[in-house]
Structures are given as C-alpha cells and as structure tokens.
Amino acid sequence: MVGTNCLLARRMIERGVRFVQLFHSDWGHHLDLDKLLKVDCRKTDRPAAALFTDLNSAAARRTLVVWGGEFGRTPMNEVRGEFSGAPGP
C-alpha cells in the first residue's frame, strides 16, 4: 500500500500537482513499540527511498519534502512496554 501511494505521489508531482500528502493509516504504535515500529519502517523505507530516487531532477528542484509524525513519541516514552495514557506536557 505504501509503495502504491508513493508511486501515485511521484506521478502527481511529475504532472505539476503542487501539494501531495501521504498518510500511513497504521502508524500508531501505542503497544509493542519496539516490534511494530520496525515492521512499519520496513514497509515504508524502500517505497519512500524509491519516491525520492525516481523524481527527475526538475521535479526534485521544486519539491519540498516534509516527513513528520504524530507528535514525536520516542521509545523512551514506553518504558513499561505499553502506552501509559499519561497526559502530555
């Protein structure tokens, strides 16, 4: 699914679409972060790298890529191995 979306994004960018947003619907690691993050990174890394590689130089010069997450949760936030449910700052 991620690969298909990256291919579609590339085609849209090449045709002049000014804004493209990709969304990973399963990217919510509230439990078992150490295991699930690795699985999702494997699903995402190669398609994303291919997207950046496939963009021709003209498209790359006018393309801003922003890669972000929900709110920056790190593995240290899950010391007990589960989502704590604690409110944020």
C-alpha atoms as a PDB file:
ATOM      1  CA  MET A   1       0.000   0.000   0.000  1.00  0.00           C
ATOM      2  CA  VAL A   2       2.768   2.463   0.886  1.00  0.00           C
ATOM      3  CA  GLY A   3       4.582   1.655  -2.360  1.00  0.00           C
ATOM      4  CA  THR A   4       1.446   2.253  -4.417  1.00  0.00           C
ATOM      5  CA  ASN A   5       0.878   5.586  -2.688  1.00  0.00           C
ATOM      6  CA  CYS A   6       4.483   6.659  -3.289  1.00  0.00           C
ATOM      7  CA  LEU A   7       4.170   5.773  -6.976  1.00  0.00           C
ATOM      8  CA  LEU A   8       0.948   7.777  -7.234  1.00  0.00           C
ATOM      9  CA  ALA A   9       2.605  10.704  -5.448  1.00  0.00           C
ATOM     10  CA  ARG A  10       5.528  10.617  -7.877  1.00  0.00           C
ATOM     11  CA  ARG A  11       3.197  10.706 -10.861  1.00  0.00           C
ATOM     12  CA  MET A  12       1.244  13.601  -9.386  1.00  0.00           C
ATOM     13  CA  ILE A  13       4.420  15.588  -8.675  1.00  0.00           C
ATOM     14  CA  GLU A  14       5.735  14.954 -12.182  1.00  0.00           C
ATOM     15  CA  ARG A  15       2.473  16.327 -13.580  1.00  0.00           C
ATOM     16  CA  GLY A  16       2.723  19.523 -11.578  1.00  0.00           C
ATOM     17  CA  VAL A  17       0.469  18.869  -8.587  1.00  0.00           C
ATOM     18  CA  ARG A  18       1.550  21.451  -6.033  1.00  0.00           C
ATOM     19  CA  PHE A  19       0.670  19.603  -2.818  1.00  0.00           C
ATOM     20  CA  VAL A  20       0.719  15.864  -2.174  1.00  0.00           C
ATOM     21  CA  GLN A  21       0.235  14.314   1.252  1.00  0.00           C
ATOM     22  CA  LEU A  22       0.859  10.664   2.036  1.00  0.00           C
ATOM     23  CA  PHE A  23      -0.653   9.199   5.176  1.00  0.00           C
ATOM     24  CA  HIS A  24       0.209   5.860   6.783  1.00  0.00           C
ATOM     25  CA  SER A  25      -3.034   4.740   8.431  1.00  0.00           C
ATOM     26  CA  ASP A  26      -1.392   2.029  10.564  1.00  0.00           C
ATOM     27  CA  TRP A  27       1.276   4.297  12.028  1.00  0.00           C
ATOM     28  CA  GLY A  28       0.077   4.242  15.636  1.00  0.00           C
ATOM     29  CA  HIS A  29       2.435   2.437  17.977  1.00  0.00           C
ATOM     30  CA  HIS A  30       0.775   2.571  21.355  1.00  0.00           C
ATOM     31  CA  LEU A  31       1.657  -1.006  22.210  1.00  0.00           C
ATOM     32  CA  ASP A  32       4.734  -3.093  21.459  1.00  0.00           C
ATOM     33  CA  LEU A  33       6.635  -0.136  20.005  1.00  0.00           C
ATOM     34  CA  ASP A  34       9.959  -1.942  19.649  1.00  0.00           C
ATOM     35  CA  LYS A  35       8.459  -4.654  17.422  1.00  0.00           C
ATOM     36  CA  LEU A  36       5.795  -2.734  15.479  1.00  0.00           C
ATOM     37  CA  LEU A  37       7.939   0.285  14.638  1.00  0.00           C
ATOM     38  CA  LYS A  38      10.497  -1.989  12.961  1.00  0.00           C
ATOM     39  CA  VAL A  39       7.753  -3.690  10.942  1.00  0.00           C
ATOM     40  CA  ASP A  40       6.280  -0.393   9.738  1.00  0.00           C
ATOM     41  CA  CYS A  41       9.705   1.059   8.953  1.00  0.00           C
ATOM     42  CA  ARG A  42      10.382  -1.966   6.725  1.00  0.00           C
ATOM     43  CA  LYS A  43       7.097  -1.266   4.904  1.00  0.00           C
ATOM     44  CA  THR A  44       7.901   2.428   4.481  1.00  0.00           C
ATOM     45  CA  ASP A  45      11.659   2.845   3.957  1.00  0.00           C
ATOM     46  CA  ARG A  46      12.069   1.349   0.483  1.00  0.00           C
ATOM     47  CA  PRO A  47       8.985   2.937  -1.117  1.00  0.00           C
ATOM     48  CA  ALA A  48       9.948   6.350   0.285  1.00  0.00           C
ATOM     49  CA  ALA A  49      13.537   5.976  -0.940  1.00  0.00           C
ATOM     50  CA  ALA A  50      12.258   4.952  -4.378  1.00  0.00           C
ATOM     51  CA  LEU A  51       9.996   8.019  -4.492  1.00  0.00           C
ATOM     52  CA  PHE A  52      12.923  10.335  -3.829  1.00  0.00           C
ATOM     53  CA  THR A  53      15.152   8.486  -6.304  1.00  0.00           C
ATOM     54  CA  ASP A  54      12.520   8.402  -9.055  1.00  0.00           C
ATOM     55  CA  LEU A  55      11.798  12.113  -9.055  1.00  0.00           C
ATOM     56  CA  ASN A  56      13.573  13.595 -12.040  1.00  0.00           C
ATOM     57  CA  SER A  57      15.929  16.456 -11.355  1.00  0.00           C
ATOM     58  CA  ALA A  58      13.460  19.147 -12.463  1.00  0.00           C
ATOM     59  CA  ALA A  59      10.775  17.853 -10.111  1.00  0.00           C
ATOM     60  CA  ALA A  60      13.301  17.409  -7.313  1.00  0.00           C
ATOM     61  CA  ARG A  61      14.427  21.036  -7.583  1.00  0.00           C
ATOM     62  CA  ARG A  62      10.896  22.287  -6.986  1.00  0.00           C
ATOM     63  CA  THR A  63       9.806  19.682  -4.437  1.00  0.00           C
ATOM     64  CA  LEU A  64       9.825  20.258  -0.692  1.00  0.00           C
ATOM     65  CA  VAL A  65       9.581  17.030   1.292  1.00  0.00           C
ATOM     66  CA  VAL A  66       8.386  17.191   4.888  1.00  0.00           C
ATOM     67  CA  TRP A  67       8.484  13.923   6.809  1.00  0.00           C
ATOM     68  CA  GLY A  68       6.706  14.104  10.120  1.00  0.00           C
ATOM     69  CA  GLY A  69       4.953  12.134  12.760  1.00  0.00           C
ATOM     70  CA  GLU A  70       2.059  12.438  15.114  1.00  0.00           C
ATOM     71  CA  PHE A  71       3.874  14.207  17.934  1.00  0.00           C
ATOM     72  CA  GLY A  72       7.340  12.766  18.251  1.00  0.00           C
ATOM     73  CA  ARG A  73       6.865   9.817  20.580  1.00  0.00           C
ATOM     74  CA  THR A  74      10.164   8.063  21.280  1.00  0.00           C
ATOM     75  CA  PRO A  75      10.858   4.549  22.604  1.00  0.00           C
ATOM     76  CA  MET A  76      11.733   6.106  25.977  1.00  0.00           C
ATOM     77  CA  ASN A  77       8.075   7.105  26.380  1.00  0.00           C
ATOM     78  CA  GLU A  78       7.196   3.428  26.657  1.00  0.00           C
ATOM     79  CA  VAL A  79       9.433   2.344  29.497  1.00  0.00           C
ATOM     80  CA  ARG A  80       6.866  -0.258  30.596  1.00  0.00           C
ATOM     81  CA  GLY A  81       6.380  -1.538  27.029  1.00  0.00           C
ATOM     82  CA  GLU A  82       2.846  -0.175  26.792  1.00  0.00           C
ATOM     83  CA  PHE A  83       1.126   3.134  26.253  1.00  0.00           C
ATOM     84  CA  SER A  84       0.956   4.852  29.629  1.00  0.00           C
ATOM     85  CA  GLY A  85      -2.059   7.016  28.816  1.00  0.00           C
ATOM     86  CA  ALA A  86      -0.397   9.843  30.717  1.00  0.00           C
ATOM     87  CA  PRO A  87      -1.286  13.339  29.543  1.00  0.00           C
ATOM     88  CA  GLY A  88       1.368  15.233  27.602  1.00  0.00           C
ATOM     89  CA  PRO A  89       3.067  18.455  28.671  1.00  0.00           C
END
